[in-house]
Protein backbone atom coordinates (compact mmCIF):
# COMPACT_ATOMS: atom_id res chain seq x y z
CA UNK A 1 0.00 0.00 0.00
CA UNK A 2 1.39 3.37 -0.96
CA UNK A 3 1.64 5.97 1.80
CA UNK A 4 1.41 9.65 1.01
CA UNK A 5 3.31 11.77 3.50
CA UNK A 6 1.95 15.14 4.58
CA UNK A 7 3.39 18.01 2.56
CA UNK A 8 5.37 19.58 5.42
CA UNK A 9 6.98 16.26 6.33
CA UNK A 10 7.86 15.58 2.69
CA UNK A 11 9.56 18.94 2.36
CA UNK A 12 11.47 18.37 5.61
CA UNK A 13 12.78 14.98 4.46
CA UNK A 14 13.85 16.32 1.07
CA UNK A 15 15.74 19.22 2.66
CA UNK A 16 17.38 16.93 5.23
CA UNK A 17 18.55 14.49 2.55
CA UNK A 18 19.91 17.36 0.46
CA UNK A 19 21.89 18.77 3.39
CA UNK A 20 23.38 15.38 4.29
CA UNK A 21 24.32 14.73 0.66
CA UNK A 22 25.98 18.16 0.40
CA UNK A 23 28.01 17.62 3.57
CA UNK A 24 29.26 14.21 2.47
CA UNK A 25 30.21 15.35 -1.02
CA UNK A 26 31.98 18.62 -0.19
CA UNK A 27 35.64 18.17 -1.25
CA UNK A 28 38.64 19.31 0.72
CA UNK A 29 36.88 20.13 3.99
CA UNK A 30 38.75 19.02 7.12
CA UNK A 31 37.23 19.87 10.47
CA UNK A 32 38.65 19.63 13.98
CA UNK A 33 37.45 16.05 14.23
CA UNK A 34 40.47 15.15 12.14
CA UNK A 35 42.79 17.01 14.50
CA UNK A 36 42.73 20.45 12.88
CA UNK A 37 43.34 22.93 15.71
CA UNK A 38 41.69 25.81 13.85
CA UNK A 39 38.24 25.14 15.34
CA UNK A 40 35.57 22.52 15.73
CA UNK A 41 33.01 21.41 13.19
CA UNK A 42 30.09 23.86 13.53
CA UNK A 43 27.29 22.30 15.54
CA UNK A 44 29.46 19.62 17.13
CA UNK A 45 30.95 19.31 20.57
CA UNK A 46 34.72 19.16 20.91
CA UNK A 47 37.38 18.31 23.44
CA UNK A 48 41.05 19.01 23.91
CA UNK A 49 43.24 15.94 23.41
CA UNK A 50 46.66 16.09 25.06
CA UNK A 51 49.48 14.37 23.19
CA UNK A 52 52.47 12.69 24.79
CA UNK A 53 55.01 15.02 23.21
CA UNK A 54 58.44 14.65 24.80
CA UNK A 55 60.93 17.47 25.46
CA UNK A 56 64.47 16.21 26.10
CA UNK A 57 66.08 19.64 26.19
CA UNK A 58 68.16 21.75 23.85
CA UNK A 59 71.32 19.66 24.03
CA UNK A 60 69.50 16.45 23.07
CA UNK A 61 67.68 18.27 20.26
CA UNK A 62 70.95 19.64 18.87
CA UNK A 63 72.54 16.20 19.02
CA UNK A 64 69.65 14.73 17.03
CA UNK A 65 69.86 17.56 14.49
CA UNK A 66 73.55 16.78 13.96
CA UNK A 67 72.68 13.12 13.41
CA UNK A 68 69.81 13.86 11.03
CA UNK A 69 71.61 16.46 8.90
CA UNK A 70 75.02 14.75 8.84
CA UNK A 71 77.83 16.94 7.55
CA UNK A 72 75.51 19.97 7.56
CA UNK A 73 74.48 19.37 11.16
CA UNK A 74 76.81 21.93 12.74
CA UNK A 75 75.58 24.63 10.36
CA UNK A 76 71.94 23.83 11.17
CA UNK A 77 72.63 23.87 14.91
CA UNK A 78 74.18 27.34 14.59
CA UNK A 79 70.72 28.64 13.60
CA UNK A 80 68.98 27.12 16.66
CA UNK A 81 68.69 30.19 18.90
CA UNK A 82 65.17 30.48 20.37
CA UNK A 83 62.91 27.51 21.03
CA UNK A 84 59.14 27.99 20.76
CA UNK A 85 56.45 26.26 22.87
CA UNK A 86 55.81 22.52 22.56
CA UNK A 87 52.80 21.52 20.39
CA UNK A 88 51.21 19.22 22.96
CA UNK A 89 47.47 19.16 22.18
CA UNK A 90 44.81 19.39 19.52
CA UNK A 91 41.06 19.94 19.39
CA UNK A 92 39.05 16.83 18.61
CA UNK A 93 35.42 16.95 17.52
CA UNK A 94 33.11 14.32 19.00
CA UNK A 95 30.96 14.51 15.86
CA UNK A 96 33.49 14.87 13.03
CA UNK A 97 32.69 15.24 9.37
CA UNK A 98 34.33 12.43 7.37
CA UNK A 99 37.61 13.41 5.73
CA UNK A 100 37.41 13.42 1.95
CA UNK A 101 40.00 12.00 -0.41
CA UNK A 102 40.17 15.15 -2.56
CA UNK A 103 43.26 17.32 -2.24
CA UNK A 104 44.85 20.14 -4.25
CA UNK A 105 47.61 19.31 -6.74
CA UNK A 106 51.10 19.00 -5.32
CA UNK A 107 54.63 18.29 -6.42
CA UNK A 108 57.84 17.18 -4.80
CA UNK A 109 60.02 14.12 -4.35
CA UNK A 110 59.28 10.70 -2.91
CA UNK A 111 61.54 7.76 -2.11
CA UNK A 112 59.98 4.30 -1.76
CA UNK A 113 61.80 1.41 -0.06
CA UNK A 114 60.45 -2.14 -0.15
CA UNK A 115 62.61 -2.96 2.89
CA UNK A 116 60.73 -0.34 4.99
CA UNK A 117 64.01 0.78 6.58
CA UNK A 118 63.86 4.56 6.09
CA UNK A 119 65.39 6.40 9.06
CA UNK A 120 64.21 9.90 8.24
CA UNK A 121 63.93 12.78 5.82
CA UNK A 122 65.29 16.33 5.84
CA UNK A 123 64.50 19.29 3.63
CA UNK A 124 64.32 23.05 3.32
CA UNK A 125 61.86 25.43 1.70
CA UNK A 126 61.11 29.16 1.51
CA UNK A 127 58.10 30.65 3.26
CA UNK A 128 55.91 32.51 0.83
CA UNK A 129 52.53 34.21 0.88
CA UNK A 130 49.65 32.27 -0.67
CA UNK A 131 47.77 34.52 -3.11
CA UNK A 132 44.46 32.69 -2.78
CA UNK A 133 43.65 30.06 -0.21
CA UNK A 134 46.29 27.86 1.37
CA UNK A 135 49.58 26.32 0.38
CA UNK A 136 51.75 23.77 2.20
CA UNK A 137 55.35 22.63 2.20
CA UNK A 138 56.47 19.69 4.33
CA UNK A 139 58.71 16.68 4.78
CA UNK A 140 57.39 13.36 6.05
CA UNK A 141 57.90 9.63 6.52
CA UNK A 142 55.36 6.92 5.75
CA UNK A 143 51.95 6.87 4.15
CA UNK A 144 49.58 5.37 6.71
CA UNK A 145 50.41 6.61 9.26
CA UNK A 146 52.21 9.61 7.79
CA UNK A 147 54.45 11.61 10.15
CA UNK A 148 55.16 15.09 8.78
CA UNK A 149 56.27 18.59 9.70
CA UNK A 150 56.21 21.74 7.59
CA UNK A 151 54.63 25.14 7.07
CA UNK A 152 51.03 26.20 6.34
CA UNK A 153 50.95 29.31 4.12
CA UNK A 154 47.42 30.72 4.09
CA UNK A 155 45.44 33.64 2.68
CA UNK A 156 42.24 33.99 4.70
CA UNK A 157 38.76 35.26 3.83
CA UNK A 158 39.37 38.46 5.81
CA UNK A 159 42.42 39.17 3.60
CA UNK A 160 44.90 38.42 6.41
CA UNK A 161 47.92 36.25 5.72
CA UNK A 162 49.53 33.65 7.98
CA UNK A 163 52.62 31.49 7.52
CA UNK A 164 52.58 28.98 10.37
CA UNK A 165 54.69 25.86 11.00
CA UNK A 166 52.72 22.70 11.73
CA UNK A 167 53.11 18.99 12.38
CA UNK A 168 50.81 16.02 11.84
CA UNK A 169 50.56 12.26 12.21
CA UNK A 170 47.77 11.29 9.82
CA UNK A 171 45.28 9.68 10.28
CA UNK A 172 45.90 9.63 14.06
CA UNK A 173 45.37 13.40 14.09
CA UNK A 174 45.53 16.22 11.59
CA UNK A 175 47.41 19.48 11.29
CA UNK A 176 48.56 21.04 14.56
CA UNK A 177 49.81 24.60 14.21
CA UNK A 178 52.86 25.22 16.39
CA UNK A 179 52.52 27.84 19.13
CA UNK A 180 55.23 30.46 19.56
CA UNK A 181 54.22 31.36 23.09
CA UNK A 182 51.20 32.00 25.32
CA UNK A 183 49.99 35.47 26.25
CA UNK A 184 49.28 36.71 29.77
CA UNK A 185 45.78 35.20 29.64
CA UNK A 186 47.02 31.77 28.57
CA UNK A 187 45.90 32.13 24.95
CA UNK A 188 48.14 30.64 22.25
CA UNK A 189 50.08 32.99 19.99
CA UNK A 190 50.94 30.93 16.92
CA UNK A 191 54.38 30.97 15.38
CA UNK A 192 54.21 33.23 12.33
CA UNK A 193 57.09 33.15 9.84
CA UNK A 194 57.79 36.22 7.66
CA UNK A 195 57.56 35.65 3.91
CA UNK A 196 60.93 35.05 2.29
CA UNK A 197 62.47 33.28 5.26
CA UNK A 198 64.08 29.86 4.81
CA UNK A 199 62.84 26.90 6.85
CA UNK A 200 64.63 23.61 7.40
CA UNK A 201 62.91 20.54 8.81
CA UNK A 202 63.28 16.86 9.57
CA UNK A 203 61.35 13.83 10.74
CA UNK A 204 63.97 11.37 11.96
CA UNK A 205 64.03 8.04 13.81
CA UNK A 206 65.81 8.19 17.17
CA UNK A 207 67.01 4.60 17.56
CA UNK A 208 68.18 5.23 21.12
CA UNK A 209 64.86 6.54 22.42
CA UNK A 210 62.80 4.45 19.96
CA UNK A 211 60.74 7.53 19.06
CA UNK A 212 60.44 9.91 16.12
CA UNK A 213 62.15 13.29 16.31
CA UNK A 214 60.36 16.30 14.77
CA UNK A 215 62.23 19.52 14.01
CA UNK A 216 61.64 22.76 12.11
CA UNK A 217 63.77 25.92 12.15
CA UNK A 218 63.52 29.44 10.71
CA UNK A 219 67.17 30.03 9.88
CA UNK A 220 66.64 33.79 9.51
CA UNK A 221 65.34 34.37 13.05
CA UNK A 222 66.77 31.33 14.84
CA UNK A 223 63.34 30.18 16.09
CA UNK A 224 62.83 26.44 16.15
CA UNK A 225 60.62 23.65 17.41
CA UNK A 226 62.06 20.27 18.41
CA UNK A 227 60.39 17.35 20.15
CA UNK A 228 59.97 13.58 20.22
CA UNK A 229 56.75 11.65 19.65
CA UNK A 230 55.97 7.94 19.84
CA UNK A 231 54.21 6.99 16.60
CA UNK A 232 54.57 4.22 14.03
CA UNK A 233 54.69 5.46 10.43
CA UNK A 234 55.33 2.69 7.94
CA UNK A 235 58.95 3.31 7.01
CA UNK A 236 58.62 2.44 3.33
CA UNK A 237 58.51 6.00 1.97
CA UNK A 238 59.86 9.50 2.55
CA UNK A 239 58.48 12.66 0.97
CA UNK A 240 59.37 16.31 0.36
CA UNK A 241 56.17 18.00 -0.83
CA UNK A 242 54.96 21.45 -1.91
CA UNK A 243 51.25 21.95 -2.59
CA UNK A 244 49.63 24.56 -4.80
CA UNK A 245 47.15 27.07 -3.35
CA UNK A 246 43.69 25.70 -2.58
CA UNK A 247 40.65 27.74 -1.63
CA UNK A 248 40.22 28.30 2.10
């Protein structure tokens, strides 16, 4: 027997289905449920997730930098002047929107090893202002999980520009912008890199501590972030990637 729904209910169901379909098919949208610290998915509840990020001090960080960068290690260490705050948490949405597979075009270099014995990757790139949307440059190890560190270069809707270092272990959590310091009220002031500055970075396996070492440094100002994190990227690939601007 066919059932004819009342007009108001029919309209409600059609609108609801259309909204759900639109949300699921929107490309390139990543909310805080995937670890993005920029804010939670509108309409959802969120919580702060604290990560077990380890600080072993400046001397240990410099020793790891020398190991990771080899013959250029001493030169890199000479640019390590002022350490910023540790990136120890992210905002997690309790009702996240699914992450899509769409992403903007990118280019770079990738090494693939069938032996899965990659120890790390290092690289450098220049901070630049995105003309429309967002642009990324990063180095990373693995594919799933992928451990990476780099810089987010963004042009926002209000015409402001930000160039902010970040790190990520995907899909465990998404992009975490690195904090420079906290103001007198405890609010984070994110590390902002001037356009034209050179950044060097590494994700490197610390065999002694059995953890991954993350490092990024603005060689023009001497600011840097260095820390250890226990994660398990599959060690069969290493990447140096630059993305093209995508709408934000």
